[in-house]
Amino acid sequence: MSLSTTPTTGPDRAGSQPFETIPVGAGPHSVAASGDGRRVYVTNFLDGTVTAVDTPAHTVAMTFPVAAGPYGVALDPPGEKLYVADHSTDAVKVFDTATGDETTSTGTGARPYGLAVTVHPEQLLIADAIDDQVMVADLLTKTHGALTGIDFPVGLAADPSGNRFYAANYFANTVSVYDATEVIEVKGPTPAEPLEVITVDRGPYGLAVGPHDSQLYVAHFPFDTVSVVDLHSSTVTRTITVPGGPRGVAADPDGHRLYVTAFFRRSLVVVPL
């Protein structure tokens, strides 16, 4: 299915530029990009679907039902499996990206928020904000432990190199940074030990790491901004205005654009970098 795109305007604090938008479902929440950059997947919270977007064409390729009130979304490294946080049933569901068919579903025992997949080793991270922890599971979604004492983590992101992962601490206005190579060793409840904590603007929600692990992008909900964090200095270097309640953010592999969900506008915003 192909849909037309609609231009909108989104000034950042250095000036203004037009942003293209792609219509998706109701209440777009989170977004994940494939490793080759040809697809992004958007969870639509209010209508219980996922929209698959063909990124070269900026059109909708497929929409399929997933759950009532889906939150986070993540892809396995080959881009064949899509993980969706089913907030309504305390579960993570797995879908075939080629067909949109559900292949398995596993209970988490908690309300899952954001999801991320680490690559060395391959593990699924599940934000359990209510219990101030991040659960760690293998890619069959069998949980083997949890990092505890993380302040209300909502969004998660893992860097492409596999060295670190990041948690958005919504009420603390920070992003905490962790060693991703150690998650396989987490067995049962394990106190989290951040490598550092980065201060950002209020309401950090969705996270994405850019190519070469040099920048972190932070969507601030409902404050209509996306922060750009330089990961060498751990400081915010730019703030981009994205109207419509940005919740999720994904970076394409070439570093030329961001995909940001506008929760109140039923759209995916394409932000050139």
C-alpha atoms as a PDB file:
ATOM      1  CA  MET A   1       0.000   0.000   0.000  1.00  0.00           C
ATOM      2  CA  SER A   2       1.357   3.413  -0.949  1.00  0.00           C
ATOM      3  CA  LEU A   3       0.357   6.626   0.762  1.00  0.00           C
ATOM      4  CA  SER A   4       1.297  10.184  -0.069  1.00  0.00           C
ATOM      5  CA  THR A   5       3.476  12.124   2.319  1.00  0.00           C
ATOM      6  CA  THR A   6       2.634  15.506   3.754  1.00  0.00           C
ATOM      7  CA  PRO A   7       5.173  18.269   4.442  1.00  0.00           C
ATOM      8  CA  THR A   8       5.214  19.960   7.807  1.00  0.00           C
ATOM      9  CA  THR A   9       7.482  22.516   9.372  1.00  0.00           C
ATOM     10  CA  GLY A  10       9.829  21.898  12.279  1.00  0.00           C
ATOM     11  CA  PRO A  11      12.224  24.682  13.275  1.00  0.00           C
ATOM     12  CA  ASP A  12      15.177  23.768  15.453  1.00  0.00           C
ATOM     13  CA  ARG A  13      16.977  26.196  17.700  1.00  0.00           C
ATOM     14  CA  ALA A  14      19.474  26.981  14.969  1.00  0.00           C
ATOM     15  CA  GLY A  15      16.793  27.874  12.404  1.00  0.00           C
ATOM     16  CA  SER A  16      13.935  26.176  10.591  1.00  0.00           C
ATOM     17  CA  GLN A  17      13.578  23.517   7.919  1.00  0.00           C
ATOM     18  CA  PRO A  18      10.693  21.537   6.401  1.00  0.00           C
ATOM     19  CA  PHE A  19      10.152  17.997   7.651  1.00  0.00           C
ATOM     20  CA  GLU A  20       8.404  15.372   5.589  1.00  0.00           C
ATOM     21  CA  THR A  21       5.801  13.211   7.316  1.00  0.00           C
ATOM     22  CA  ILE A  22       4.526   9.722   6.505  1.00  0.00           C
ATOM     23  CA  PRO A  23       0.971   8.867   7.649  1.00  0.00           C
ATOM     24  CA  VAL A  24       0.882   5.798   9.913  1.00  0.00           C
ATOM     25  CA  GLY A  25      -1.607   4.455  12.486  1.00  0.00           C
ATOM     26  CA  ALA A  26      -3.247   6.085  15.484  1.00  0.00           C
ATOM     27  CA  GLY A  27      -0.943   7.008  18.349  1.00  0.00           C
ATOM     28  CA  PRO A  28       2.438   6.061  16.852  1.00  0.00           C
ATOM     29  CA  HIS A  29       4.622   5.142  19.799  1.00  0.00           C
ATOM     30  CA  SER A  30       7.981   3.552  19.024  1.00  0.00           C
ATOM     31  CA  VAL A  31      10.049   3.006  15.884  1.00  0.00           C
ATOM     32  CA  ALA A  32      12.857   0.637  14.886  1.00  0.00           C
ATOM     33  CA  ALA A  33      15.029   0.725  11.766  1.00  0.00           C
ATOM     34  CA  SER A  34      16.400  -2.286   9.903  1.00  0.00           C
ATOM     35  CA  GLY A  35      20.155  -2.696   9.597  1.00  0.00           C
ATOM     36  CA  ASP A  36      20.120  -2.002   5.870  1.00  0.00           C
ATOM     37  CA  GLY A  37      18.005   1.114   6.364  1.00  0.00           C
ATOM     38  CA  ARG A  38      15.292   0.021   3.922  1.00  0.00           C
ATOM     39  CA  ARG A  39      12.487  -0.471   6.463  1.00  0.00           C
ATOM     40  CA  VAL A  40      11.324   1.124   9.661  1.00  0.00           C
ATOM     41  CA  TYR A  41       8.619  -0.335  11.879  1.00  0.00           C
ATOM     42  CA  VAL A  42       6.218   1.805  13.928  1.00  0.00           C
ATOM     43  CA  THR A  43       4.010   0.567  16.775  1.00  0.00           C
ATOM     44  CA  ASN A  44       0.616   2.309  16.734  1.00  0.00           C
ATOM     45  CA  PHE A  45      -0.566   2.387  20.335  1.00  0.00           C
ATOM     46  CA  LEU A  46      -4.176   3.451  19.776  1.00  0.00           C
ATOM     47  CA  ASP A  47      -5.098   0.984  17.035  1.00  0.00           C
ATOM     48  CA  GLY A  48      -2.963  -2.024  17.997  1.00  0.00           C
ATOM     49  CA  THR A  49      -0.962  -2.290  14.788  1.00  0.00           C
ATOM     50  CA  VAL A  50       2.533  -2.051  13.370  1.00  0.00           C
ATOM     51  CA  THR A  51       3.206  -0.007  10.231  1.00  0.00           C
ATOM     52  CA  ALA A  52       6.155  -1.090   8.076  1.00  0.00           C
ATOM     53  CA  VAL A  53       7.539   1.835   6.084  1.00  0.00           C
ATOM     54  CA  ASP A  54       9.565   1.500   2.885  1.00  0.00           C
ATOM     55  CA  THR A  55      12.202   4.134   3.600  1.00  0.00           C
ATOM     56  CA  PRO A  56      13.600   4.702   0.078  1.00  0.00           C
ATOM     57  CA  ALA A  57      10.081   5.468  -1.165  1.00  0.00           C
ATOM     58  CA  HIS A  58       8.786   6.995   2.108  1.00  0.00           C
ATOM     59  CA  THR A  59       5.572   5.006   1.742  1.00  0.00           C
ATOM     60  CA  VAL A  60       3.720   2.449   3.841  1.00  0.00           C
ATOM     61  CA  ALA A  61       4.617  -1.077   2.727  1.00  0.00           C
ATOM     62  CA  MET A  62       2.442  -3.052   5.151  1.00  0.00           C
ATOM     63  CA  THR A  63       0.280  -2.677   8.257  1.00  0.00           C
ATOM     64  CA  PHE A  64      -0.518  -5.648  10.464  1.00  0.00           C
ATOM     65  CA  PRO A  65      -2.249  -6.226  13.839  1.00  0.00           C
ATOM     66  CA  VAL A  66      -0.016  -6.964  16.830  1.00  0.00           C
ATOM     67  CA  ALA A  67      -1.607  -6.260  20.223  1.00  0.00           C
ATOM     68  CA  ALA A  68      -3.833  -3.917  22.182  1.00  0.00           C
ATOM     69  CA  GLY A  69      -1.686  -0.934  23.090  1.00  0.00           C
ATOM     70  CA  PRO A  70       1.776  -1.901  21.765  1.00  0.00           C
ATOM     71  CA  TYR A  71       4.693   0.045  23.217  1.00  0.00           C
ATOM     72  CA  GLY A  72       8.337  -0.693  22.380  1.00  0.00           C
ATOM     73  CA  VAL A  73       9.649  -2.333  19.223  1.00  0.00           C
ATOM     74  CA  ALA A  74      13.008  -3.828  18.222  1.00  0.00           C
ATOM     75  CA  LEU A  75      14.514  -5.963  15.457  1.00  0.00           C
ATOM     76  CA  ASP A  76      16.886  -8.895  15.584  1.00  0.00           C
ATOM     77  CA  PRO A  77      20.231  -8.222  13.803  1.00  0.00           C
ATOM     78  CA  PRO A  78      19.234  -9.894  10.484  1.00  0.00           C
ATOM     79  CA  GLY A  79      15.955  -7.936  10.460  1.00  0.00           C
ATOM     80  CA  GLU A  80      13.825 -11.086  10.218  1.00  0.00           C
ATOM     81  CA  LYS A  81      12.111 -10.919  13.610  1.00  0.00           C
ATOM     82  CA  LEU A  82      10.241  -7.996  15.092  1.00  0.00           C
ATOM     83  CA  TYR A  83       9.825  -7.806  18.880  1.00  0.00           C
ATOM     84  CA  VAL A  84       6.835  -5.849  20.180  1.00  0.00           C
ATOM     85  CA  ALA A  85       6.120  -4.960  23.813  1.00  0.00           C
ATOM     86  CA  ASP A  86       2.492  -5.853  24.514  1.00  0.00           C
ATOM     87  CA  HIS A  87       1.781  -3.561  27.442  1.00  0.00           C
ATOM     88  CA  SER A  88      -1.797  -4.806  27.786  1.00  0.00           C
ATOM     89  CA  THR A  89      -0.906  -8.454  28.500  1.00  0.00           C
ATOM     90  CA  ASP A  90       2.571  -8.097  30.081  1.00  0.00           C
ATOM     91  CA  ALA A  91       4.195  -9.920  27.178  1.00  0.00           C
ATOM     92  CA  VAL A  92       6.676  -9.596  24.333  1.00  0.00           C
ATOM     93  CA  LYS A  93       5.387 -10.812  20.979  1.00  0.00           C
ATOM     94  CA  VAL A  94       7.559 -11.847  18.033  1.00  0.00           C
ATOM     95  CA  PHE A  95       6.555 -11.307  14.383  1.00  0.00           C
ATOM     96  CA  ASP A  96       7.933 -12.364  11.027  1.00  0.00           C
ATOM     97  CA  THR A  97       8.910  -9.141   9.257  1.00  0.00           C
ATOM     98  CA  ALA A  98       8.270 -10.639   5.807  1.00  0.00           C
ATOM     99  CA  THR A  99       4.656 -11.588   6.485  1.00  0.00           C
ATOM    100  CA  GLY A 100       3.576  -9.759   9.644  1.00  0.00           C
ATOM    101  CA  ASP A 101       2.577 -13.090  11.198  1.00  0.00           C
ATOM    102  CA  GLU A 102       3.027 -13.655  14.931  1.00  0.00           C
ATOM    103  CA  THR A 103       5.469 -16.492  15.619  1.00  0.00           C
ATOM    104  CA  THR A 104       5.578 -16.562  19.422  1.00  0.00           C
ATOM    105  CA  SER A 105       4.587 -14.676  22.566  1.00  0.00           C
ATOM    106  CA  THR A 106       6.181 -14.823  25.996  1.00  0.00           C
ATOM    107  CA  GLY A 107       4.987 -13.307  29.261  1.00  0.00           C
ATOM    108  CA  THR A 108       7.374 -10.968  31.045  1.00  0.00           C
ATOM    109  CA  GLY A 109       5.703 -10.808  34.433  1.00  0.00           C
ATOM    110  CA  ALA A 110       5.783  -7.011  34.200  1.00  0.00           C
ATOM    111  CA  ARG A 111       4.530  -4.165  32.043  1.00  0.00           C
ATOM    112  CA  PRO A 112       7.090  -3.859  29.211  1.00  0.00           C
ATOM    113  CA  TYR A 113       7.917  -0.412  27.865  1.00  0.00           C
ATOM    114  CA  GLY A 114      10.901   0.024  25.535  1.00  0.00           C
ATOM    115  CA  LEU A 115      12.853  -2.788  23.859  1.00  0.00           C
ATOM    116  CA  ALA A 116      16.375  -3.058  22.473  1.00  0.00           C
ATOM    117  CA  VAL A 117      18.543  -5.833  21.060  1.00  0.00           C
ATOM    118  CA  THR A 118      22.265  -6.032  21.802  1.00  0.00           C
ATOM    119  CA  VAL A 119      24.537  -7.619  19.208  1.00  0.00           C
ATOM    120  CA  HIS A 120      27.597  -9.007  21.059  1.00  0.00           C
ATOM    121  CA  PRO A 121      26.050 -11.123  22.524  1.00  0.00           C
ATOM    122  CA  GLU A 122      22.548 -11.002  21.048  1.00  0.00           C
ATOM    123  CA  GLN A 123      20.161 -10.341  23.910  1.00  0.00           C
ATOM    124  CA  LEU A 124      16.731  -8.737  24.210  1.00  0.00           C
ATOM    125  CA  LEU A 125      16.445  -5.913  26.736  1.00  0.00           C
ATOM    126  CA  ILE A 126      12.999  -5.098  28.142  1.00  0.00           C
ATOM    127  CA  ALA A 127      12.325  -1.866  30.051  1.00  0.00           C
ATOM    128  CA  ASP A 128      10.209  -2.500  33.138  1.00  0.00           C
ATOM    129  CA  ALA A 129       9.683   1.096  34.233  1.00  0.00           C
ATOM    130  CA  ILE A 130       7.177   0.334  36.975  1.00  0.00           C
ATOM    131  CA  ASP A 131       9.703  -1.846  38.802  1.00  0.00           C
ATOM    132  CA  ASP A 132      12.738   0.365  38.023  1.00  0.00           C
ATOM    133  CA  GLN A 133      14.573  -2.348  36.136  1.00  0.00           C
ATOM    134  CA  VAL A 134      15.604  -3.664  32.715  1.00  0.00           C
ATOM    135  CA  MET A 135      14.948  -7.347  32.111  1.00  0.00           C
ATOM    136  CA  VAL A 136      17.446  -9.365  30.072  1.00  0.00           C
ATOM    137  CA  ALA A 137      16.347 -12.236  27.830  1.00  0.00           C
ATOM    138  CA  ASP A 138      17.712 -14.328  24.992  1.00  0.00           C
ATOM    139  CA  LEU A 139      16.209 -13.766  21.557  1.00  0.00           C
ATOM    140  CA  LEU A 140      13.639 -16.476  22.193  1.00  0.00           C
ATOM    141  CA  THR A 141      12.437 -13.998  24.871  1.00  0.00           C
ATOM    142  CA  LYS A 142      13.283 -16.328  27.742  1.00  0.00           C
ATOM    143  CA  THR A 143      14.175 -13.986  30.597  1.00  0.00           C
ATOM    144  CA  HIS A 144      17.268 -14.914  32.582  1.00  0.00           C
ATOM    145  CA  GLY A 145      17.784 -11.851  34.759  1.00  0.00           C
ATOM    146  CA  ALA A 146      17.153  -8.178  35.427  1.00  0.00           C
ATOM    147  CA  LEU A 147      19.246  -5.105  36.054  1.00  0.00           C
ATOM    148  CA  THR A 148      17.618  -3.419  39.034  1.00  0.00           C
ATOM    149  CA  GLY A 149      17.692   0.080  40.472  1.00  0.00           C
ATOM    150  CA  ILE A 150      17.292   1.915  37.139  1.00  0.00           C
ATOM    151  CA  ASP A 151      15.139   5.004  37.641  1.00  0.00           C
ATOM    152  CA  PHE A 152      11.865   4.479  35.673  1.00  0.00           C
ATOM    153  CA  PRO A 153      13.418   3.399  32.357  1.00  0.00           C
ATOM    154  CA  VAL A 154      11.028   3.846  29.429  1.00  0.00           C
ATOM    155  CA  GLY A 155      13.118   3.880  26.246  1.00  0.00           C
ATOM    156  CA  LEU A 156      16.143   1.699  25.478  1.00  0.00           C
ATOM    157  CA  ALA A 157      18.779   1.679  22.752  1.00  0.00           C
ATOM    158  CA  ALA A 158      21.859  -0.431  22.045  1.00  0.00           C
ATOM    159  CA  ASP A 159      24.786   0.865  20.012  1.00  0.00           C
ATOM    160  CA  PRO A 160      25.657  -0.807  16.683  1.00  0.00           C
ATOM    161  CA  SER A 161      29.107  -1.883  17.866  1.00  0.00           C
ATOM    162  CA  GLY A 162      27.633  -3.855  20.760  1.00  0.00           C
ATOM    163  CA  ASN A 163      29.552  -2.086  23.505  1.00  0.00           C
ATOM    164  CA  ARG A 164      26.895  -0.092  25.339  1.00  0.00           C
ATOM    165  CA  PHE A 165      23.195   0.281  25.875  1.00  0.00           C
ATOM    166  CA  TYR A 166      21.224   3.274  27.076  1.00  0.00           C
ATOM    167  CA  ALA A 167      18.122   3.743  29.229  1.00  0.00           C
ATOM    168  CA  ALA A 168      15.927   6.862  29.259  1.00  0.00           C
ATOM    169  CA  ASN A 169      15.105   7.772  32.872  1.00  0.00           C
ATOM    170  CA  TYR A 170      11.869   9.658  32.277  1.00  0.00           C
ATOM    171  CA  PHE A 171      11.312  11.443  35.581  1.00  0.00           C
ATOM    172  CA  ALA A 172      14.999  11.998  36.366  1.00  0.00           C
ATOM    173  CA  ASN A 173      15.644  13.767  33.029  1.00  0.00           C
ATOM    174  CA  THR A 174      18.710  11.626  32.436  1.00  0.00           C
ATOM    175  CA  VAL A 175      19.996   8.818  30.240  1.00  0.00           C
ATOM    176  CA  SER A 176      21.984   6.098  31.984  1.00  0.00           C
ATOM    177  CA  VAL A 177      24.725   4.207  30.149  1.00  0.00           C
ATOM    178  CA  TYR A 178      25.620   0.525  30.680  1.00  0.00           C
ATOM    179  CA  ASP A 179      28.131  -2.053  29.469  1.00  0.00           C
ATOM    180  CA  ALA A 180      26.214  -4.185  26.938  1.00  0.00           C
ATOM    181  CA  THR A 181      28.850  -6.923  26.858  1.00  0.00           C
ATOM    182  CA  GLU A 182      28.006  -7.964  30.411  1.00  0.00           C
ATOM    183  CA  VAL A 183      24.263  -8.573  30.017  1.00  0.00           C
ATOM    184  CA  ILE A 184      24.712 -12.275  29.236  1.00  0.00           C
ATOM    185  CA  GLU A 185      26.148 -12.702  32.733  1.00  0.00           C
ATOM    186  CA  VAL A 186      23.071 -11.241  34.425  1.00  0.00           C
ATOM    187  CA  LYS A 187      21.304 -14.017  36.318  1.00  0.00           C
ATOM    188  CA  GLY A 188      18.335 -13.131  38.468  1.00  0.00           C
ATOM    189  CA  PRO A 189      18.035  -9.650  40.028  1.00  0.00           C
ATOM    190  CA  THR A 190      21.357  -7.804  39.659  1.00  0.00           C
ATOM    191  CA  PRO A 191      21.995  -4.217  40.799  1.00  0.00           C
ATOM    192  CA  ALA A 192      22.672  -1.987  37.795  1.00  0.00           C
ATOM    193  CA  GLU A 193      26.033  -0.236  37.651  1.00  0.00           C
ATOM    194  CA  PRO A 194      25.949   2.592  35.099  1.00  0.00           C
ATOM    195  CA  LEU A 195      29.122   3.626  33.338  1.00  0.00           C
ATOM    196  CA  GLU A 196      27.822   7.190  33.422  1.00  0.00           C
ATOM    197  CA  VAL A 197      24.623   9.214  33.619  1.00  0.00           C
ATOM    198  CA  ILE A 198      23.946  11.929  31.038  1.00  0.00           C
ATOM    199  CA  THR A 199      21.725  14.897  31.941  1.00  0.00           C
ATOM    200  CA  VAL A 200      19.207  15.849  29.222  1.00  0.00           C
ATOM    201  CA  ASP A 201      16.035  17.937  28.916  1.00  0.00           C
ATOM    202  CA  ARG A 202      12.792  16.939  30.635  1.00  0.00           C
ATOM    203  CA  GLY A 203      10.778  13.933  29.556  1.00  0.00           C
ATOM    204  CA  PRO A 204      13.345  11.687  27.798  1.00  0.00           C
ATOM    205  CA  TYR A 205      11.396   8.852  26.183  1.00  0.00           C
ATOM    206  CA  GLY A 206      12.647   7.215  22.969  1.00  0.00           C
ATOM    207  CA  LEU A 207      16.348   6.670  22.230  1.00  0.00           C
ATOM    208  CA  ALA A 208      18.457   5.861  19.190  1.00  0.00           C
ATOM    209  CA  VAL A 209      22.198   5.586  18.610  1.00  0.00           C
ATOM    210  CA  GLY A 210      23.634   6.944  15.384  1.00  0.00           C
ATOM    211  CA  PRO A 211      26.246   5.255  13.186  1.00  0.00           C
ATOM    212  CA  HIS A 212      29.790   4.952  14.552  1.00  0.00           C
ATOM    213  CA  ASP A 213      28.359   5.214  18.088  1.00  0.00           C
ATOM    214  CA  SER A 214      29.092   8.939  18.086  1.00  0.00           C
ATOM    215  CA  GLN A 215      25.663  10.418  18.775  1.00  0.00           C
ATOM    216  CA  LEU A 216      22.608   9.567  20.836  1.00  0.00           C
ATOM    217  CA  TYR A 217      19.178  10.889  19.847  1.00  0.00           C
ATOM    218  CA  VAL A 218      16.592  11.469  22.591  1.00  0.00           C
ATOM    219  CA  ALA A 219      12.873  12.072  21.937  1.00  0.00           C
ATOM    220  CA  HIS A 220      11.254  14.165  24.673  1.00  0.00           C
ATOM    221  CA  PHE A 221       7.550  13.469  25.209  1.00  0.00           C
ATOM    222  CA  PRO A 222       5.314  15.475  25.218  1.00  0.00           C
ATOM    223  CA  PHE A 223       7.691  18.407  24.816  1.00  0.00           C
ATOM    224  CA  ASP A 224       8.080  18.380  21.009  1.00  0.00           C
ATOM    225  CA  THR A 225      11.866  18.150  20.950  1.00  0.00           C
ATOM    226  CA  VAL A 226      14.617  15.697  20.036  1.00  0.00           C
ATOM    227  CA  SER A 227      18.024  16.170  21.655  1.00  0.00           C
ATOM    228  CA  VAL A 228      21.311  15.265  19.982  1.00  0.00           C
ATOM    229  CA  VAL A 229      23.919  14.064  22.475  1.00  0.00           C
ATOM    230  CA  ASP A 230      27.603  13.892  21.571  1.00  0.00           C
ATOM    231  CA  LEU A 231      28.700  10.587  23.107  1.00  0.00           C
ATOM    232  CA  HIS A 232      32.366  11.607  23.243  1.00  0.00           C
ATOM    233  CA  SER A 233      31.623  14.544  25.543  1.00  0.00           C
ATOM    234  CA  SER A 234      28.260  13.273  26.930  1.00  0.00           C
ATOM    235  CA  THR A 235      26.678  16.662  26.288  1.00  0.00           C
ATOM    236  CA  VAL A 236      23.637  17.868  24.370  1.00  0.00           C
ATOM    237  CA  THR A 237      24.889  19.679  21.266  1.00  0.00           C
ATOM    238  CA  ARG A 238      21.618  20.374  19.457  1.00  0.00           C
ATOM    239  CA  THR A 239      17.883  20.414  20.085  1.00  0.00           C
ATOM    240  CA  ILE A 240      15.466  19.849  17.181  1.00  0.00           C
ATOM    241  CA  THR A 241      11.813  20.855  17.401  1.00  0.00           C
ATOM    242  CA  VAL A 242       9.519  18.040  16.213  1.00  0.00           C
ATOM    243  CA  PRO A 243       5.814  18.890  16.631  1.00  0.00           C
ATOM    244  CA  GLY A 244       3.149  16.369  17.559  1.00  0.00           C
ATOM    245  CA  GLY A 245       4.472  14.656  20.672  1.00  0.00           C
ATOM    246  CA  PRO A 246       7.627  12.720  19.734  1.00  0.00           C
ATOM    247  CA  ARG A 247       7.850   9.402  21.556  1.00  0.00           C
ATOM    248  CA  GLY A 248      10.055   7.135  19.473  1.00  0.00           C
ATOM    249  CA  VAL A 249      13.147   7.827  17.397  1.00  0.00           C
ATOM    250  CA  ALA A 250      15.304   5.739  15.064  1.00  0.00           C
ATOM    251  CA  ALA A 251      18.410   6.666  13.088  1.00  0.00           C
ATOM    252  CA  ASP A 252      19.093   5.340   9.630  1.00  0.00           C
ATOM    253  CA  PRO A 253      22.432   3.502   9.196  1.00  0.00           C
ATOM    254  CA  ASP A 254      23.970   6.168   6.980  1.00  0.00           C
ATOM    255  CA  GLY A 255      23.368   8.910   9.535  1.00  0.00           C
ATOM    256  CA  HIS A 256      21.515  11.187   7.111  1.00  0.00           C
ATOM    257  CA  ARG A 257      18.089  11.219   8.770  1.00  0.00           C
ATOM    258  CA  LEU A 258      16.020  10.425  11.835  1.00  0.00           C
ATOM    259  CA  TYR A 259      12.566   8.845  11.975  1.00  0.00           C
ATOM    260  CA  VAL A 260      10.470  10.266  14.815  1.00  0.00           C
ATOM    261  CA  THR A 261       6.964   9.216  15.838  1.00  0.00           C
ATOM    262  CA  ALA A 262       4.498  12.087  16.303  1.00  0.00           C
ATOM    263  CA  PHE A 263       2.042  10.542  18.761  1.00  0.00           C
ATOM    264  CA  PHE A 264      -0.671  13.195  18.429  1.00  0.00           C
ATOM    265  CA  ARG A 265      -0.484  13.516  14.637  1.00  0.00           C
ATOM    266  CA  ARG A 266      -0.665   9.894  13.394  1.00  0.00           C
ATOM    267  CA  SER A 267       2.569  10.370  11.517  1.00  0.00           C
ATOM    268  CA  LEU A 268       6.214   9.440  11.229  1.00  0.00           C
ATOM    269  CA  VAL A 269       8.390  12.516  10.843  1.00  0.00           C
ATOM    270  CA  VAL A 270      11.522  12.330   8.672  1.00  0.00           C
ATOM    271  CA  VAL A 271      14.202  14.660  10.039  1.00  0.00           C
ATOM    272  CA  PRO A 272      17.249  15.315   7.821  1.00  0.00           C
ATOM    273  CA  LEU A 273      20.550  15.623   9.653  1.00  0.00           C
END
